[in-house]
Amino acid sequence: MVTTADKSAGTRKITIEPVTRVEGHGKVTLLLDDKNKVRQARLHIVEFRGFERFIQGRPYWEVPVMVQRLCGICPVSHHLAAAKAMDWIVGGEKLTPTAEKLRRLMHYGQMFQSHALHFFHLVSPDLLFGFDADPAVRNVIGVAAKFPDLAVQGVMMRKFGQEIIKATAGKKIHGTGAIPGGVNKNLSTQERDFFLKDMEQMLVWARSALKIAKDYTAAHLAELKDFGSFESNHLSLVRADGAMDLYHGVLRAVDSQGKKVLNDVDYQGYFQHIAEEVRDWSYMKFPFMKAIGPEAGWYRVGPLARVNTCDFIDTPEADAALKEFKALTGGKPNNITMAYHWARMIETLHSAEKINALLHDKDLQGTDLVVKGPRREEGVGLIEAPRGTLFHHYRVNKQDQVVMANLIVSTTSNNEPMNRAVQKVAQDYISGKPEITEGLLNRIEVAIRAYDPCLSCATHALGRMPLDVEIVDCEGSVVDRRQRD
């Protein structure tokens, strides 16, 4: 972590750049007055993605493969969300049982491996060594040295999920398994048996990871309940009967007390309920619910939101864990930011239970893979990505070309909450302190990491992208330069 400090106009600026152990590039700036009181704290997303523009003009069937290039961490989520949108374009939204179950298997493999990666590789150093530990030790190498069994567990859980993805999508990263109206392959019995031999071990490890997260939260509850925490709305997909459903469902949002703000609405009309605003200091937008407005209509997504919005989980072990989680707050939504980790491990166990059930389903060996129906020119696909609700919205012309694309990525929805978490931690732990230590600054990163942000996925342009172009001659001298702020 690199920090810089500048003094001007009676203020001091501290920059945390880059934010470490997250996917993508971001920085945090803190403005302090002459008494070291925090006047402003912001999370800046400093990289740019232009996918919504450069897929325009491409044929719609290329989209599920193209848009997943947004990211190497969560490509399956973009692949499936885009495929679900294109299902509507081709009139194939009612998939065959084989196609839907194969997509679900792919998705639960993605959830399993992504949650394992985040918890064991990115978050565990803070939990195992403490927020103030030496950063030379507080990393995945330090975990491997002191807790080798945990390090191996994280690697093997991630590998298992990635192999599921490879078997269903064709590749571990940037696969091609989902196509408009279905999938392009089934799961052979040999592939099924390959996973079944390791399934019990994955369940054991998922249970142990959940216990680590739950026990840590309980042991540190006095500190964590206010750490970067605040009351908020929560949004996710749920199944029609209120169950957690990570692949499909209706949109539900609840406020900080559990009152429904969005009452199980059809996501094809999400734009009637969700809007986005832009701010000139970030490439990431700020979504909000229209009925409430931008000031109070922002919301959290991801594991914490999903366990707060759903009524139950349809796998027994994860549902028992959900009941225990909800008991902590008397059934009301849990607004503790660091409880994201506990919720994430509940989903990891749920994903393992789902994978196990699907592997025993003979529909995966079916051969009816694709359906089509009346052609449409507009489609929306939503899915619960590891980091939260992912929106893909497209319009296609009669020449099969994409003419409009809008993506609201999970981390985008968490933009306002992450900024509030940064502000809260900065005010509570840094404001007024005579010395700003590395451990204090790390607390800001800890709050950001709770959301498992995927910053490269979430960035958009506001106006024109800044450019700095130099023309250099053969001797290395700058002969011309043009800048655009």
Protein backbone atom coordinates (compact mmCIF):
# COMPACT_ATOMS: atom_id res chain seq x y z
CA MET A 1 0.00 0.00 0.00
CA VAL A 2 1.41 3.39 -1.02
CA THR A 3 0.30 6.54 0.78
CA THR A 4 1.01 10.14 -0.07
CA ALA A 5 0.26 13.30 1.83
CA ASP A 6 -0.10 16.85 0.47
CA LYS A 7 -0.80 20.07 2.34
CA SER A 8 -2.74 22.91 0.74
CA ALA A 9 -5.36 25.43 1.87
CA GLY A 10 -5.13 24.18 5.45
CA THR A 11 -5.94 20.58 4.52
CA ARG A 12 -3.89 17.42 4.22
CA LYS A 13 -4.63 14.70 1.68
CA ILE A 14 -3.85 11.05 2.29
CA THR A 15 -4.06 8.72 -0.69
CA ILE A 16 -4.31 4.94 -0.39
CA GLU A 17 -3.29 3.69 -3.80
CA PRO A 18 -3.86 1.05 -4.85
CA VAL A 19 -6.53 -0.53 -2.68
CA THR A 20 -5.06 -4.01 -2.19
CA ARG A 21 -6.52 -7.52 -2.29
CA VAL A 22 -9.47 -6.58 -4.50
CA GLU A 23 -10.12 -7.26 -8.20
CA GLY A 24 -9.35 -4.18 -10.28
CA HIS A 25 -7.82 -0.80 -9.53
CA GLY A 26 -9.07 1.84 -7.12
CA LYS A 27 -7.81 4.39 -4.64
CA VAL A 28 -9.07 6.13 -1.53
CA THR A 29 -8.51 9.79 -0.76
CA LEU A 30 -8.91 11.33 2.70
CA LEU A 31 -8.98 15.09 3.25
CA LEU A 32 -8.00 16.10 6.80
CA ASP A 33 -8.06 19.54 8.38
CA ASP A 34 -5.27 21.01 10.53
CA LYS A 35 -6.58 19.04 13.53
CA ASN A 36 -6.53 15.76 11.59
CA LYS A 37 -10.32 15.63 11.46
CA VAL A 38 -11.58 13.84 8.33
CA ARG A 39 -13.45 16.31 6.13
CA GLN A 40 -13.97 14.02 3.14
CA ALA A 41 -13.38 10.35 2.36
CA ARG A 42 -13.92 8.87 -1.10
CA LEU A 43 -13.36 5.63 -2.96
CA HIS A 44 -12.26 6.47 -6.51
CA ILE A 45 -12.47 3.97 -9.35
CA VAL A 46 -9.70 4.96 -11.69
CA GLU A 47 -9.94 2.46 -14.54
CA PHE A 48 -12.30 2.53 -17.50
CA ARG A 49 -14.34 -0.07 -19.41
CA GLY A 50 -16.29 0.64 -22.60
CA PHE A 51 -18.14 -2.61 -23.24
CA GLU A 52 -21.57 -1.00 -23.45
CA ARG A 53 -20.41 0.95 -26.48
CA PHE A 54 -18.14 -1.32 -28.41
CA ILE A 55 -20.52 -4.30 -28.48
CA GLN A 56 -22.97 -2.11 -30.36
CA GLY A 57 -23.17 -3.29 -33.96
CA ARG A 58 -22.16 -6.84 -33.07
CA PRO A 59 -24.57 -9.75 -33.74
CA TYR A 60 -26.55 -10.68 -30.64
CA TRP A 61 -25.31 -14.28 -30.51
CA GLU A 62 -21.75 -13.04 -29.88
CA VAL A 63 -22.74 -11.08 -26.78
CA PRO A 64 -22.61 -13.85 -24.11
CA VAL A 65 -19.03 -14.62 -25.15
CA MET A 66 -17.93 -11.00 -25.62
CA VAL A 67 -19.20 -9.34 -22.47
CA GLN A 68 -17.59 -11.84 -20.11
CA ARG A 69 -14.25 -10.38 -21.20
CA LEU A 70 -15.08 -7.63 -18.72
CA CYS A 71 -13.41 -9.76 -16.08
CA GLY A 72 -11.32 -12.85 -15.42
CA ILE A 73 -12.76 -13.33 -11.92
CA CYS A 74 -16.50 -13.41 -12.61
CA PRO A 75 -16.84 -14.11 -16.36
CA VAL A 76 -19.46 -16.82 -15.76
CA SER A 77 -21.81 -14.25 -14.22
CA HIS A 78 -21.62 -11.97 -17.26
CA HIS A 79 -21.80 -14.96 -19.60
CA LEU A 80 -25.03 -16.20 -18.02
CA ALA A 81 -26.66 -12.79 -17.52
CA ALA A 82 -26.08 -11.97 -21.18
CA ALA A 83 -27.30 -15.42 -22.25
CA LYS A 84 -30.48 -14.92 -20.21
CA ALA A 85 -31.08 -11.60 -21.96
CA MET A 86 -30.52 -13.23 -25.35
CA ASP A 87 -32.95 -16.01 -24.38
CA TRP A 88 -35.61 -13.32 -24.51
CA ILE A 89 -34.39 -12.05 -27.87
CA VAL A 90 -34.80 -15.50 -29.45
CA GLY A 91 -37.97 -16.36 -27.52
CA GLY A 92 -36.18 -19.12 -25.66
CA GLU A 93 -36.52 -17.96 -22.06
CA LYS A 94 -38.29 -21.18 -21.03
CA LEU A 95 -35.27 -23.44 -21.16
CA THR A 96 -35.35 -27.20 -21.30
CA PRO A 97 -34.70 -28.90 -17.93
CA THR A 98 -31.26 -30.02 -19.12
CA ALA A 99 -30.27 -26.53 -20.25
CA GLU A 100 -31.44 -24.78 -17.09
CA LYS A 101 -29.84 -27.30 -14.76
CA LEU A 102 -26.53 -27.18 -16.63
CA ARG A 103 -26.51 -23.39 -16.42
CA ARG A 104 -27.31 -23.60 -12.73
CA LEU A 105 -24.47 -26.07 -12.21
CA MET A 106 -22.12 -23.68 -14.01
CA HIS A 107 -23.35 -20.81 -11.86
CA TYR A 108 -23.05 -22.64 -8.53
CA GLY A 109 -19.53 -23.68 -9.53
CA GLN A 110 -18.77 -20.00 -10.09
CA MET A 111 -20.25 -18.99 -6.73
CA PHE A 112 -18.30 -21.74 -4.95
CA GLN A 113 -14.92 -20.90 -6.46
CA SER A 114 -15.31 -17.13 -6.27
CA HIS A 115 -16.39 -17.11 -2.62
CA ALA A 116 -13.52 -19.46 -1.75
CA LEU A 117 -11.03 -17.22 -3.56
CA HIS A 118 -12.24 -14.13 -1.76
CA PHE A 119 -12.47 -15.62 1.71
CA PHE A 120 -9.26 -17.64 1.82
CA HIS A 121 -6.96 -15.57 -0.40
CA LEU A 122 -8.12 -11.96 0.02
CA VAL A 123 -9.87 -11.70 3.39
CA SER A 124 -8.36 -14.36 5.65
CA PRO A 125 -5.07 -12.45 6.22
CA ASP A 126 -7.01 -9.70 8.03
CA LEU A 127 -9.07 -12.16 10.06
CA LEU A 128 -6.19 -14.48 10.97
CA PHE A 129 -3.43 -11.94 11.67
CA GLY A 130 -5.41 -8.86 12.67
CA PHE A 131 -5.91 -5.47 11.03
CA ASP A 132 -2.69 -4.06 12.53
CA ALA A 133 -0.39 -6.94 11.58
CA ASP A 134 2.75 -6.33 9.55
CA PRO A 135 1.65 -6.15 5.88
CA ALA A 136 4.69 -8.28 4.98
CA VAL A 137 2.93 -11.11 6.84
CA ARG A 138 -0.69 -10.06 6.38
CA ASN A 139 -1.14 -11.63 2.94
CA VAL A 140 -1.86 -14.95 1.30
CA ILE A 141 1.82 -15.99 1.49
CA GLY A 142 1.71 -15.40 5.23
CA VAL A 143 -1.45 -17.52 5.47
CA ALA A 144 0.21 -20.34 3.55
CA ALA A 145 3.23 -20.23 5.86
CA LYS A 146 1.35 -20.20 9.19
CA PHE A 147 -1.92 -21.94 8.24
CA PRO A 148 -0.95 -24.32 5.42
CA ASP A 149 -4.07 -26.48 5.78
CA LEU A 150 -6.34 -23.46 5.29
CA ALA A 151 -4.32 -22.32 2.28
CA VAL A 152 -4.62 -25.76 0.67
CA GLN A 153 -8.33 -25.85 1.46
CA GLY A 154 -8.89 -22.52 -0.29
CA VAL A 155 -6.92 -23.59 -3.35
CA MET A 156 -8.70 -26.94 -3.65
CA MET A 157 -12.18 -25.46 -3.18
CA ARG A 158 -11.47 -22.93 -5.90
CA LYS A 159 -10.08 -25.63 -8.17
CA PHE A 160 -13.22 -27.74 -7.73
CA GLY A 161 -15.45 -24.83 -8.72
CA GLN A 162 -13.29 -23.99 -11.71
CA GLU A 163 -13.43 -27.59 -12.92
CA ILE A 164 -17.24 -27.42 -12.72
CA ILE A 165 -17.09 -24.31 -14.89
CA LYS A 166 -14.75 -26.01 -17.38
CA ALA A 167 -17.05 -29.03 -17.68
CA THR A 168 -20.15 -26.90 -18.31
CA ALA A 169 -18.71 -23.89 -20.16
CA GLY A 170 -15.81 -25.49 -22.04
CA LYS A 171 -13.11 -23.44 -20.30
CA LYS A 172 -12.41 -22.29 -16.75
CA ILE A 173 -12.30 -18.67 -17.89
CA HIS A 174 -14.27 -17.12 -20.76
CA GLY A 175 -16.19 -20.24 -21.78
CA THR A 176 -18.89 -20.69 -24.40
CA GLY A 177 -21.35 -23.12 -22.79
CA ALA A 178 -24.43 -20.87 -22.63
CA ILE A 179 -25.99 -19.83 -25.95
CA PRO A 180 -29.23 -17.97 -26.73
CA GLY A 181 -32.03 -20.35 -25.82
CA GLY A 182 -29.95 -22.96 -24.00
CA VAL A 183 -26.53 -24.60 -23.82
CA ASN A 184 -24.20 -26.26 -26.32
CA LYS A 185 -23.29 -29.42 -24.38
CA ASN A 186 -24.49 -31.66 -21.58
CA LEU A 187 -22.56 -33.26 -18.71
CA SER A 188 -21.33 -36.77 -19.41
CA THR A 189 -21.49 -39.52 -16.80
CA GLN A 190 -17.69 -39.57 -16.73
CA GLU A 191 -17.61 -35.86 -15.93
CA ARG A 192 -20.30 -36.33 -13.30
CA ASP A 193 -18.41 -39.14 -11.58
CA PHE A 194 -15.21 -37.06 -11.61
CA PHE A 195 -16.92 -34.48 -9.40
CA LEU A 196 -18.87 -36.87 -7.20
CA LYS A 197 -15.69 -38.47 -5.86
CA ASP A 198 -14.67 -35.12 -4.28
CA MET A 199 -18.13 -33.86 -3.37
CA GLU A 200 -18.18 -34.95 0.25
CA GLN A 201 -14.83 -33.27 0.89
CA MET A 202 -16.16 -30.02 -0.59
CA LEU A 203 -19.16 -30.17 1.73
CA VAL A 204 -16.88 -30.73 4.73
CA TRP A 205 -14.70 -27.79 3.75
CA ALA A 206 -17.70 -25.53 3.08
CA ARG A 207 -19.02 -26.31 6.59
CA SER A 208 -15.63 -25.52 8.15
CA ALA A 209 -15.32 -22.24 6.24
CA LEU A 210 -18.78 -21.22 7.44
CA LYS A 211 -17.74 -22.00 11.03
CA ILE A 212 -14.63 -19.84 10.70
CA ALA A 213 -16.66 -16.86 9.46
CA LYS A 214 -19.44 -17.33 12.01
CA ASP A 215 -17.09 -17.80 14.97
CA TYR A 216 -14.99 -14.79 13.97
CA THR A 217 -18.08 -12.57 13.77
CA ALA A 218 -19.37 -13.78 17.14
CA ALA A 219 -16.00 -13.37 18.85
CA HIS A 220 -15.51 -9.81 17.56
CA LEU A 221 -19.13 -8.65 17.50
CA ALA A 222 -18.61 -5.75 19.90
CA GLU A 223 -16.10 -4.20 17.50
CA LEU A 224 -17.63 -5.31 14.20
CA LYS A 225 -21.21 -4.17 14.77
CA ASP A 226 -20.18 -0.54 14.21
CA PHE A 227 -17.19 -1.14 11.94
CA GLY A 228 -18.07 0.59 8.67
CA SER A 229 -21.71 -0.25 9.36
CA PHE A 230 -24.90 1.71 8.75
CA GLU A 231 -28.57 1.12 8.07
CA SER A 232 -29.43 0.59 4.41
CA ASN A 233 -31.79 -0.90 1.88
CA HIS A 234 -30.98 -4.37 0.52
CA LEU A 235 -31.82 -5.72 -2.95
CA SER A 236 -31.63 -9.13 -4.64
CA LEU A 237 -33.45 -11.71 -6.70
CA VAL A 238 -35.60 -14.17 -4.79
CA ARG A 239 -37.59 -17.15 -6.00
CA ALA A 240 -41.33 -16.63 -6.40
CA ASP A 241 -41.93 -18.31 -3.01
CA GLY A 242 -39.32 -16.12 -1.29
CA ALA A 243 -36.47 -18.64 -1.30
CA MET A 244 -32.90 -17.62 -2.09
CA ASP A 245 -32.29 -18.20 -5.80
CA LEU A 246 -28.92 -17.25 -7.20
CA TYR A 247 -29.83 -17.97 -10.84
CA HIS A 248 -33.35 -16.61 -11.40
CA GLY A 249 -36.29 -14.94 -9.71
CA VAL A 250 -38.08 -11.67 -9.06
CA LEU A 251 -36.62 -8.42 -7.71
CA ARG A 252 -37.13 -7.76 -4.01
CA ALA A 253 -35.79 -4.90 -1.92
CA VAL A 254 -36.23 -4.34 1.80
CA ASP A 255 -35.36 -1.35 3.96
CA SER A 256 -33.20 -1.45 7.07
CA GLN A 257 -36.15 -2.68 9.15
CA GLY A 258 -37.23 -5.39 6.71
CA LYS A 259 -40.16 -3.60 5.09
CA LYS A 260 -40.48 -4.46 1.39
CA VAL A 261 -39.59 -1.54 -0.85
CA LEU A 262 -39.68 -3.52 -4.11
CA ASN A 263 -42.23 -6.28 -3.74
CA ASP A 264 -41.14 -9.15 -5.99
CA VAL A 265 -41.32 -7.32 -9.34
CA ASP A 266 -40.58 -8.79 -12.79
CA TYR A 267 -37.01 -7.81 -13.63
CA GLN A 268 -37.80 -7.34 -17.32
CA GLY A 269 -39.11 -3.95 -16.22
CA TYR A 270 -36.25 -3.15 -13.81
CA PHE A 271 -35.73 0.28 -15.45
CA GLN A 272 -39.11 1.38 -14.09
CA HIS A 273 -37.69 0.97 -10.60
CA ILE A 274 -33.90 1.49 -10.81
CA ALA A 275 -32.00 4.52 -12.09
CA GLU A 276 -28.35 5.54 -12.08
CA GLU A 277 -26.63 8.83 -11.39
CA VAL A 278 -23.07 9.88 -12.15
CA ARG A 279 -20.53 11.82 -10.12
CA ASP A 280 -17.50 13.50 -11.59
CA TRP A 281 -14.90 11.80 -9.36
CA SER A 282 -15.55 8.17 -10.32
CA TYR A 283 -16.04 6.04 -13.43
CA MET A 284 -18.54 3.99 -11.45
CA LYS A 285 -22.20 5.03 -11.43
CA PHE A 286 -24.49 5.26 -8.38
CA PRO A 287 -27.76 3.30 -8.74
CA PHE A 288 -30.85 4.03 -6.66
CA MET A 289 -34.52 3.09 -6.45
CA LYS A 290 -36.64 5.67 -8.26
CA ALA A 291 -39.53 5.54 -5.79
CA ILE A 292 -37.23 6.76 -3.01
CA GLY A 293 -34.76 8.91 -4.95
CA PRO A 294 -30.97 9.18 -5.02
CA GLU A 295 -30.56 10.55 -1.50
CA ALA A 296 -32.10 7.58 0.32
CA GLY A 297 -32.85 5.07 -2.45
CA TRP A 298 -29.39 3.51 -2.70
CA TYR A 299 -29.06 -0.09 -1.61
CA ARG A 300 -26.64 -2.91 -0.89
CA VAL A 301 -26.36 -6.10 -2.96
CA GLY A 302 -24.42 -9.33 -2.54
CA PRO A 303 -24.37 -12.04 0.13
CA LEU A 304 -25.48 -9.77 2.97
CA ALA A 305 -28.38 -8.41 0.93
CA ARG A 306 -29.42 -11.86 -0.26
CA VAL A 307 -29.67 -13.33 3.23
CA ASN A 308 -31.60 -10.22 4.31
CA THR A 309 -34.13 -10.33 1.48
CA CYS A 310 -34.85 -14.06 1.21
CA ASP A 311 -37.35 -15.86 3.46
CA PHE A 312 -35.52 -19.18 3.47
CA ILE A 313 -32.91 -21.29 1.65
CA ASP A 314 -34.02 -24.48 -0.07
CA THR A 315 -31.01 -26.58 1.02
CA PRO A 316 -31.17 -27.86 4.60
CA GLU A 317 -27.72 -27.04 5.97
CA ALA A 318 -27.61 -23.53 4.53
CA ASP A 319 -31.16 -22.87 5.73
CA ALA A 320 -30.20 -23.87 9.26
CA ALA A 321 -27.22 -21.49 9.00
CA LEU A 322 -29.54 -18.73 7.73
CA LYS A 323 -31.82 -19.12 10.75
CA GLU A 324 -28.81 -18.77 13.05
CA PHE A 325 -27.65 -15.71 11.11
CA LYS A 326 -31.06 -14.03 11.30
CA ALA A 327 -31.35 -14.78 15.02
CA LEU A 328 -28.47 -12.37 15.65
CA THR A 329 -30.75 -9.44 14.74
CA GLY A 330 -34.08 -10.89 15.81
CA GLY A 331 -35.14 -11.57 12.25
CA LYS A 332 -34.58 -7.99 11.06
CA PRO A 333 -32.04 -7.21 8.33
CA ASN A 334 -28.43 -7.41 9.44
CA ASN A 335 -26.66 -4.13 8.60
CA ILE A 336 -23.21 -5.09 9.91
CA THR A 337 -20.79 -4.63 7.03
CA MET A 338 -18.38 -7.32 8.23
CA ALA A 339 -21.28 -9.80 8.37
CA TYR A 340 -20.84 -10.04 4.59
CA HIS A 341 -18.23 -12.74 5.27
CA TRP A 342 -20.59 -14.88 7.34
CA ALA A 343 -23.32 -14.49 4.71
CA ARG A 344 -20.83 -15.33 1.95
CA MET A 345 -19.92 -18.61 3.61
CA ILE A 346 -23.60 -19.51 4.05
CA GLU A 347 -23.87 -19.14 0.27
CA THR A 348 -20.74 -21.24 -0.21
CA LEU A 349 -22.35 -24.11 1.71
CA HIS A 350 -25.61 -23.58 -0.20
CA SER A 351 -23.70 -23.75 -3.50
CA ALA A 352 -22.02 -27.01 -2.44
CA GLU A 353 -25.40 -28.50 -1.50
CA LYS A 354 -26.85 -27.42 -4.86
CA ILE A 355 -23.92 -28.83 -6.82
CA ASN A 356 -24.29 -32.13 -4.99
CA ALA A 357 -28.01 -32.33 -5.78
CA LEU A 358 -27.50 -31.40 -9.44
CA LEU A 359 -24.77 -33.98 -9.94
CA HIS A 360 -27.29 -36.66 -8.93
CA ASP A 361 -29.87 -35.35 -11.43
CA LYS A 362 -30.08 -37.43 -14.64
CA ASP A 363 -31.35 -34.40 -16.58
CA LEU A 364 -27.72 -33.28 -16.85
CA GLN A 365 -27.15 -36.11 -19.31
CA GLY A 366 -30.14 -35.04 -21.45
CA THR A 367 -29.79 -34.15 -25.11
CA ASP A 368 -32.58 -31.55 -25.49
CA LEU A 369 -30.44 -28.44 -25.16
CA VAL A 370 -31.91 -25.47 -27.08
CA VAL A 371 -35.32 -23.85 -27.55
CA LYS A 372 -36.52 -20.91 -29.64
CA GLY A 373 -39.74 -18.98 -29.99
CA PRO A 374 -41.07 -15.61 -31.22
CA ARG A 375 -38.26 -13.17 -31.96
CA ARG A 376 -38.03 -10.03 -29.79
CA GLU A 377 -35.95 -6.88 -30.09
CA GLU A 378 -35.31 -6.26 -26.38
CA GLY A 379 -34.24 -8.49 -23.51
CA VAL A 380 -33.10 -8.21 -19.90
CA GLY A 381 -31.07 -10.84 -18.06
CA LEU A 382 -30.47 -10.76 -14.32
CA ILE A 383 -28.47 -13.12 -12.16
CA GLU A 384 -27.06 -13.11 -8.64
CA ALA A 385 -23.33 -12.86 -9.25
CA PRO A 386 -20.98 -13.60 -6.33
CA ARG A 387 -20.85 -9.88 -5.59
CA GLY A 388 -24.57 -9.20 -6.03
CA THR A 389 -27.38 -8.60 -8.50
CA LEU A 390 -26.10 -8.23 -12.07
CA PHE A 391 -28.25 -6.48 -14.71
CA HIS A 392 -27.78 -6.96 -18.48
CA HIS A 393 -30.17 -5.09 -20.81
CA TYR A 394 -29.96 -5.13 -24.62
CA ARG A 395 -31.86 -3.96 -27.69
CA VAL A 396 -31.30 -5.69 -31.02
CA ASN A 397 -32.41 -4.47 -34.45
CA LYS A 398 -33.97 -6.49 -37.26
CA GLN A 399 -30.49 -7.08 -38.69
CA ASP A 400 -29.56 -8.95 -35.47
CA GLN A 401 -27.20 -6.18 -34.36
CA VAL A 402 -26.99 -4.87 -30.80
CA VAL A 403 -28.05 -1.22 -30.80
CA MET A 404 -28.19 -0.59 -27.01
CA ALA A 405 -26.56 -2.16 -24.00
CA ASN A 406 -26.80 -1.22 -20.34
CA LEU A 407 -25.04 -3.10 -17.57
CA ILE A 408 -25.54 -2.46 -13.87
CA VAL A 409 -22.79 -4.50 -12.31
CA SER A 410 -22.97 -5.72 -8.72
CA THR A 411 -20.12 -3.54 -7.50
CA THR A 412 -21.81 -0.53 -9.11
CA SER A 413 -24.83 -1.02 -6.86
CA ASN A 414 -22.47 -1.22 -3.88
CA ASN A 415 -20.71 2.01 -4.85
CA GLU A 416 -22.60 4.25 -2.43
CA PRO A 417 -22.42 1.70 0.42
CA MET A 418 -18.67 1.26 -0.06
CA ASN A 419 -18.17 5.02 0.04
CA ARG A 420 -20.24 5.23 3.21
CA ALA A 421 -18.19 2.42 4.74
CA VAL A 422 -14.98 4.31 3.88
CA GLN A 423 -16.41 7.49 5.41
CA LYS A 424 -17.56 5.68 8.57
CA VAL A 425 -14.24 3.93 9.19
CA ALA A 426 -12.28 7.09 8.46
CA GLN A 427 -14.38 9.09 10.91
CA ASP A 428 -14.26 6.43 13.63
CA TYR A 429 -10.62 5.35 13.42
CA ILE A 430 -8.60 8.12 11.74
CA SER A 431 -10.31 11.42 12.42
CA GLY A 432 -8.44 13.39 15.08
CA LYS A 433 -5.66 10.83 15.55
CA PRO A 434 -2.22 12.41 16.06
CA GLU A 435 -0.56 9.70 13.95
CA ILE A 436 -2.02 7.90 10.91
CA THR A 437 -0.59 4.38 11.00
CA GLU A 438 -0.64 1.72 8.31
CA GLY A 439 -2.99 -0.35 10.46
CA LEU A 440 -5.52 2.49 10.63
CA LEU A 441 -5.44 2.92 6.87
CA ASN A 442 -5.77 -0.84 6.42
CA ARG A 443 -9.09 -0.67 8.27
CA ILE A 444 -10.47 1.32 5.35
CA GLU A 445 -9.37 -1.42 2.97
CA VAL A 446 -10.87 -4.07 5.26
CA ALA A 447 -14.26 -2.34 4.97
CA ILE A 448 -13.97 -2.20 1.18
CA ARG A 449 -12.90 -5.85 0.95
CA ALA A 450 -16.04 -6.92 2.84
CA TYR A 451 -17.98 -6.14 -0.35
CA ASP A 452 -15.60 -8.22 -2.50
CA PRO A 453 -15.62 -5.47 -5.14
CA CYS A 454 -14.88 -6.21 -8.79
CA LEU A 455 -13.78 -2.75 -9.83
CA SER A 456 -12.86 -3.49 -13.43
CA CYS A 457 -16.36 -4.85 -14.11
CA ALA A 458 -18.11 -1.84 -12.72
CA THR A 459 -16.49 1.16 -14.42
CA HIS A 460 -18.19 3.45 -16.89
CA ALA A 461 -17.33 6.72 -18.57
CA LEU A 462 -18.65 10.13 -17.54
CA GLY A 463 -18.23 12.48 -20.48
CA ARG A 464 -14.85 11.97 -22.12
CA MET A 465 -12.13 9.68 -20.86
CA PRO A 466 -9.01 11.63 -19.77
CA LEU A 467 -6.08 11.17 -22.12
CA ASP A 468 -2.42 12.11 -22.03
CA VAL A 469 -0.73 11.46 -25.41
CA GLU A 470 2.93 12.09 -26.17
CA ILE A 471 4.81 11.85 -29.48
CA VAL A 472 8.43 10.84 -28.89
CA ASP A 473 11.18 10.95 -31.52
CA CYS A 474 13.82 8.24 -32.08
CA GLU A 475 16.12 9.83 -29.46
CA GLY A 476 13.41 9.80 -26.78
CA SER A 477 12.63 13.52 -26.87
CA VAL A 478 9.00 14.60 -26.55
CA VAL A 479 8.10 16.50 -29.72
CA ASP A 480 4.38 17.00 -29.01
CA ARG A 481 1.88 16.38 -26.22
CA ARG A 482 -1.88 16.62 -25.95
CA GLN A 483 -3.89 16.33 -22.73
CA ARG A 484 -7.62 15.96 -22.18
CA ASP A 485 -8.87 16.24 -18.59
